[in-house]
Amino acid sequence: MSRNKLVLIVVSIFVAIIATLLITGFFVLERKHKNEITRVIESKGAIVVHIAKINAEDSPFSNQNGKDNIIYKVTYAIDNLTHIAWYRGV
């Protein structure tokens, strides 16, 4: 096997491993945020109806958003009334 081919294989494997770790990390972070949102809402005696990740421009954080923030729109119910909450995860 030539040296160039070996380098290409090693680099390709390295890139694949890094991509897999980044994707896995993203899903773990999203799950962590959703668990935290649910925990806090339920601690107030409410029920989470829906959690949606949205663009910062469509949130109350549009003028404060950093590139690392993830914004969630949380719909929850308490006393048969539906409310909206916002969560900014970093």
N, C-alpha and C. Protein backbone atom coordinates (compact mmCIF):
# COMPACT_ATOMS: atom_id res chain seq x y z
N MET A 1 0.86 -1.17 0.00
CA MET A 1 0.00 0.00 0.00
C MET A 1 0.90 1.24 0.00
N SER A 2 0.58 2.20 -0.83
CA SER A 2 1.40 3.40 -0.92
C SER A 2 1.18 4.30 0.30
N ARG A 3 2.13 5.13 0.55
CA ARG A 3 2.08 6.05 1.69
C ARG A 3 0.89 7.00 1.57
N ASN A 4 0.63 7.52 0.38
CA ASN A 4 -0.49 8.45 0.17
C ASN A 4 -1.83 7.79 0.46
N LYS A 5 -1.97 6.55 0.04
CA LYS A 5 -3.22 5.83 0.27
C LYS A 5 -3.42 5.58 1.77
N LEU A 6 -2.35 5.25 2.47
CA LEU A 6 -2.42 5.03 3.91
C LEU A 6 -2.81 6.31 4.65
N VAL A 7 -2.20 7.43 4.25
CA VAL A 7 -2.54 8.72 4.86
C VAL A 7 -4.00 9.06 4.60
N LEU A 8 -4.48 8.82 3.40
CA LEU A 8 -5.87 9.09 3.06
C LEU A 8 -6.82 8.24 3.91
N ILE A 9 -6.49 6.99 4.10
CA ILE A 9 -7.33 6.11 4.92
C ILE A 9 -7.34 6.57 6.38
N VAL A 10 -6.20 6.92 6.92
CA VAL A 10 -6.11 7.37 8.32
C VAL A 10 -6.89 8.67 8.51
N VAL A 11 -6.72 9.61 7.59
CA VAL A 11 -7.46 10.88 7.68
C VAL A 11 -8.96 10.64 7.55
N SER A 12 -9.38 9.79 6.66
CA SER A 12 -10.80 9.49 6.47
C SER A 12 -11.40 8.88 7.74
N ILE A 13 -10.67 7.95 8.35
CA ILE A 13 -11.16 7.34 9.60
C ILE A 13 -11.25 8.39 10.70
N PHE A 14 -10.25 9.25 10.80
CA PHE A 14 -10.25 10.30 11.80
C PHE A 14 -11.45 11.23 11.62
N VAL A 15 -11.71 11.66 10.39
CA VAL A 15 -12.84 12.55 10.10
C VAL A 15 -14.17 11.85 10.44
N ALA A 16 -14.29 10.58 10.10
CA ALA A 16 -15.51 9.83 10.41
C ALA A 16 -15.73 9.74 11.92
N ILE A 17 -14.67 9.50 12.67
CA ILE A 17 -14.79 9.42 14.14
C ILE A 17 -15.20 10.76 14.72
N ILE A 18 -14.58 11.84 14.28
CA ILE A 18 -14.92 13.18 14.77
C ILE A 18 -16.37 13.52 14.42
N ALA A 19 -16.80 13.23 13.21
CA ALA A 19 -18.18 13.51 12.80
C ALA A 19 -19.17 12.73 13.66
N THR A 20 -18.87 11.47 13.92
CA THR A 20 -19.74 10.65 14.76
C THR A 20 -19.82 11.21 16.17
N LEU A 21 -18.71 11.64 16.73
CA LEU A 21 -18.70 12.21 18.07
C LEU A 21 -19.49 13.52 18.13
N LEU A 22 -19.35 14.36 17.12
CA LEU A 22 -20.09 15.62 17.09
C LEU A 22 -21.60 15.40 16.99
N ILE A 23 -22.00 14.50 16.13
CA ILE A 23 -23.43 14.21 15.98
C ILE A 23 -23.99 13.61 17.26
N THR A 24 -23.27 12.68 17.85
CA THR A 24 -23.72 12.07 19.11
C THR A 24 -23.81 13.12 20.20
N GLY A 25 -22.81 13.99 20.29
CA GLY A 25 -22.82 15.05 21.28
C GLY A 25 -24.00 15.99 21.12
N PHE A 26 -24.34 16.30 19.89
CA PHE A 26 -25.48 17.18 19.62
C PHE A 26 -26.77 16.55 20.14
N PHE A 27 -26.98 15.27 19.86
CA PHE A 27 -28.21 14.61 20.31
C PHE A 27 -28.25 14.45 21.83
N VAL A 28 -27.11 14.21 22.44
CA VAL A 28 -27.04 14.11 23.90
C VAL A 28 -27.38 15.46 24.53
N LEU A 29 -26.85 16.55 23.97
CA LEU A 29 -27.13 17.89 24.49
C LEU A 29 -28.61 18.23 24.36
N GLU A 30 -29.19 17.91 23.21
CA GLU A 30 -30.62 18.18 23.01
C GLU A 30 -31.47 17.40 24.00
N ARG A 31 -31.14 16.13 24.23
CA ARG A 31 -31.87 15.31 25.20
C ARG A 31 -31.72 15.88 26.61
N LYS A 32 -30.51 16.35 26.94
CA LYS A 32 -30.27 16.95 28.26
C LYS A 32 -31.13 18.19 28.45
N HIS A 33 -31.19 19.04 27.44
CA HIS A 33 -32.03 20.25 27.52
C HIS A 33 -33.49 19.88 27.72
N LYS A 34 -33.98 18.93 26.94
CA LYS A 34 -35.39 18.55 27.04
C LYS A 34 -35.71 17.93 28.40
N ASN A 35 -34.80 17.16 28.94
CA ASN A 35 -35.00 16.59 30.28
C ASN A 35 -35.05 17.68 31.33
N GLU A 36 -34.18 18.68 31.22
CA GLU A 36 -34.16 19.79 32.17
C GLU A 36 -35.45 20.61 32.07
N ILE A 37 -35.89 20.89 30.85
CA ILE A 37 -37.14 21.63 30.65
C ILE A 37 -38.30 20.87 31.30
N THR A 38 -38.39 19.59 31.02
CA THR A 38 -39.48 18.77 31.57
C THR A 38 -39.42 18.75 33.09
N ARG A 39 -38.24 18.59 33.65
CA ARG A 39 -38.08 18.54 35.10
C ARG A 39 -38.58 19.84 35.76
N VAL A 40 -38.19 20.98 35.20
CA VAL A 40 -38.58 22.26 35.79
C VAL A 40 -40.08 22.50 35.64
N ILE A 41 -40.62 22.25 34.47
CA ILE A 41 -42.06 22.46 34.25
C ILE A 41 -42.88 21.56 35.18
N GLU A 42 -42.50 20.29 35.27
CA GLU A 42 -43.25 19.37 36.13
C GLU A 42 -43.07 19.70 37.60
N SER A 43 -41.96 20.31 37.99
CA SER A 43 -41.77 20.69 39.40
C SER A 43 -42.72 21.81 39.80
N LYS A 44 -43.26 22.53 38.82
CA LYS A 44 -44.23 23.60 39.07
C LYS A 44 -45.67 23.08 39.03
N GLY A 45 -45.83 21.77 38.83
CA GLY A 45 -47.15 21.17 38.79
C GLY A 45 -47.81 21.22 37.43
N ALA A 46 -47.04 21.47 36.40
CA ALA A 46 -47.58 21.57 35.04
C ALA A 46 -47.19 20.33 34.25
N ILE A 47 -47.76 20.23 33.06
CA ILE A 47 -47.49 19.11 32.16
C ILE A 47 -46.94 19.68 30.85
N VAL A 48 -45.83 19.14 30.39
CA VAL A 48 -45.25 19.57 29.12
C VAL A 48 -46.09 18.99 27.99
N VAL A 49 -46.54 19.87 27.10
CA VAL A 49 -47.32 19.46 25.95
C VAL A 49 -46.42 19.26 24.73
N HIS A 50 -45.50 20.22 24.53
CA HIS A 50 -44.63 20.16 23.34
C HIS A 50 -43.37 20.98 23.59
N ILE A 51 -42.25 20.47 23.09
CA ILE A 51 -40.98 21.19 23.12
C ILE A 51 -40.47 21.24 21.69
N ALA A 52 -40.23 22.45 21.20
CA ALA A 52 -39.76 22.62 19.82
C ALA A 52 -38.53 23.51 19.79
N LYS A 53 -37.51 23.07 19.08
CA LYS A 53 -36.33 23.89 18.87
C LYS A 53 -36.66 24.86 17.75
N ILE A 54 -36.40 26.15 17.96
CA ILE A 54 -36.76 27.15 16.97
C ILE A 54 -35.57 28.07 16.66
N ASN A 55 -35.72 28.85 15.62
CA ASN A 55 -34.71 29.86 15.27
C ASN A 55 -34.77 31.00 16.27
N ALA A 56 -33.63 31.55 16.60
CA ALA A 56 -33.55 32.63 17.59
C ALA A 56 -34.37 33.85 17.16
N GLU A 57 -34.46 34.10 15.87
CA GLU A 57 -35.21 35.26 15.39
C GLU A 57 -36.69 35.17 15.72
N ASP A 58 -37.18 33.96 15.93
CA ASP A 58 -38.59 33.75 16.23
C ASP A 58 -38.85 33.67 17.73
N SER A 59 -37.92 34.14 18.54
CA SER A 59 -38.04 34.03 19.99
C SER A 59 -37.85 35.39 20.64
N PRO A 60 -38.15 35.47 21.94
CA PRO A 60 -37.88 36.71 22.68
C PRO A 60 -36.37 36.99 22.83
N PHE A 61 -35.53 36.02 22.49
CA PHE A 61 -34.09 36.18 22.62
C PHE A 61 -33.43 36.65 21.33
N SER A 62 -34.20 37.14 20.38
CA SER A 62 -33.64 37.46 19.06
C SER A 62 -32.50 38.47 19.12
N ASN A 63 -32.56 39.42 20.05
CA ASN A 63 -31.50 40.43 20.12
C ASN A 63 -30.38 40.04 21.08
N GLN A 64 -30.50 38.93 21.79
CA GLN A 64 -29.49 38.50 22.75
C GLN A 64 -28.82 37.20 22.37
N ASN A 65 -29.20 36.65 21.27
CA ASN A 65 -28.76 35.29 20.94
C ASN A 65 -27.30 35.24 20.52
N GLY A 66 -26.57 34.33 21.14
CA GLY A 66 -25.22 34.02 20.72
C GLY A 66 -25.27 32.83 19.79
N LYS A 67 -24.21 32.60 19.07
CA LYS A 67 -24.22 31.51 18.11
C LYS A 67 -24.28 30.14 18.77
N ASP A 68 -23.92 30.06 20.06
CA ASP A 68 -23.91 28.77 20.76
C ASP A 68 -25.22 28.45 21.47
N ASN A 69 -26.16 29.37 21.46
CA ASN A 69 -27.43 29.14 22.15
C ASN A 69 -28.38 28.31 21.30
N ILE A 70 -29.13 27.46 21.97
CA ILE A 70 -30.20 26.71 21.33
C ILE A 70 -31.49 27.17 22.01
N ILE A 71 -32.46 27.60 21.22
CA ILE A 71 -33.71 28.15 21.76
C ILE A 71 -34.82 27.13 21.59
N TYR A 72 -35.59 26.93 22.67
CA TYR A 72 -36.73 26.02 22.65
C TYR A 72 -37.99 26.79 23.02
N LYS A 73 -39.05 26.50 22.29
CA LYS A 73 -40.38 27.01 22.64
C LYS A 73 -41.10 25.85 23.32
N VAL A 74 -41.53 26.09 24.55
CA VAL A 74 -42.13 25.04 25.38
C VAL A 74 -43.60 25.36 25.58
N THR A 75 -44.45 24.45 25.17
CA THR A 75 -45.88 24.57 25.42
C THR A 75 -46.20 23.65 26.59
N TYR A 76 -46.86 24.22 27.60
CA TYR A 76 -47.20 23.41 28.77
C TYR A 76 -48.60 23.76 29.25
N ALA A 77 -49.17 22.87 30.04
CA ALA A 77 -50.53 23.07 30.56
C ALA A 77 -50.51 23.00 32.08
N ILE A 78 -51.27 23.90 32.67
CA ILE A 78 -51.47 23.89 34.12
C ILE A 78 -52.87 24.44 34.38
N ASP A 79 -53.59 23.77 35.22
CA ASP A 79 -54.98 24.16 35.55
C ASP A 79 -55.84 24.31 34.30
N ASN A 80 -55.70 23.37 33.37
CA ASN A 80 -56.46 23.34 32.12
C ASN A 80 -56.23 24.57 31.22
N LEU A 81 -55.12 25.27 31.44
CA LEU A 81 -54.75 26.39 30.59
C LEU A 81 -53.41 26.08 29.94
N THR A 82 -53.28 26.47 28.67
CA THR A 82 -52.04 26.24 27.95
C THR A 82 -51.21 27.52 27.98
N HIS A 83 -49.91 27.36 28.24
CA HIS A 83 -48.99 28.48 28.30
C HIS A 83 -47.77 28.20 27.44
N ILE A 84 -47.03 29.27 27.16
CA ILE A 84 -45.79 29.15 26.40
C ILE A 84 -44.64 29.61 27.31
N ALA A 85 -43.58 28.86 27.30
CA ALA A 85 -42.34 29.23 27.99
C ALA A 85 -41.20 29.14 26.98
N TRP A 86 -40.12 29.82 27.28
CA TRP A 86 -38.95 29.81 26.41
C TRP A 86 -37.75 29.32 27.20
N TYR A 87 -36.90 28.56 26.54
CA TYR A 87 -35.69 28.06 27.17
C TYR A 87 -34.52 28.31 26.24
N ARG A 88 -33.50 28.93 26.80
CA ARG A 88 -32.29 29.20 26.03
C ARG A 88 -31.18 28.33 26.59
N GLY A 89 -30.83 27.31 25.87
CA GLY A 89 -29.78 26.40 26.30
C GLY A 89 -28.46 26.77 25.66
N VAL A 90 -27.40 26.59 26.42
CA VAL A 90 -26.06 26.87 25.90
C VAL A 90 -25.23 25.62 25.89
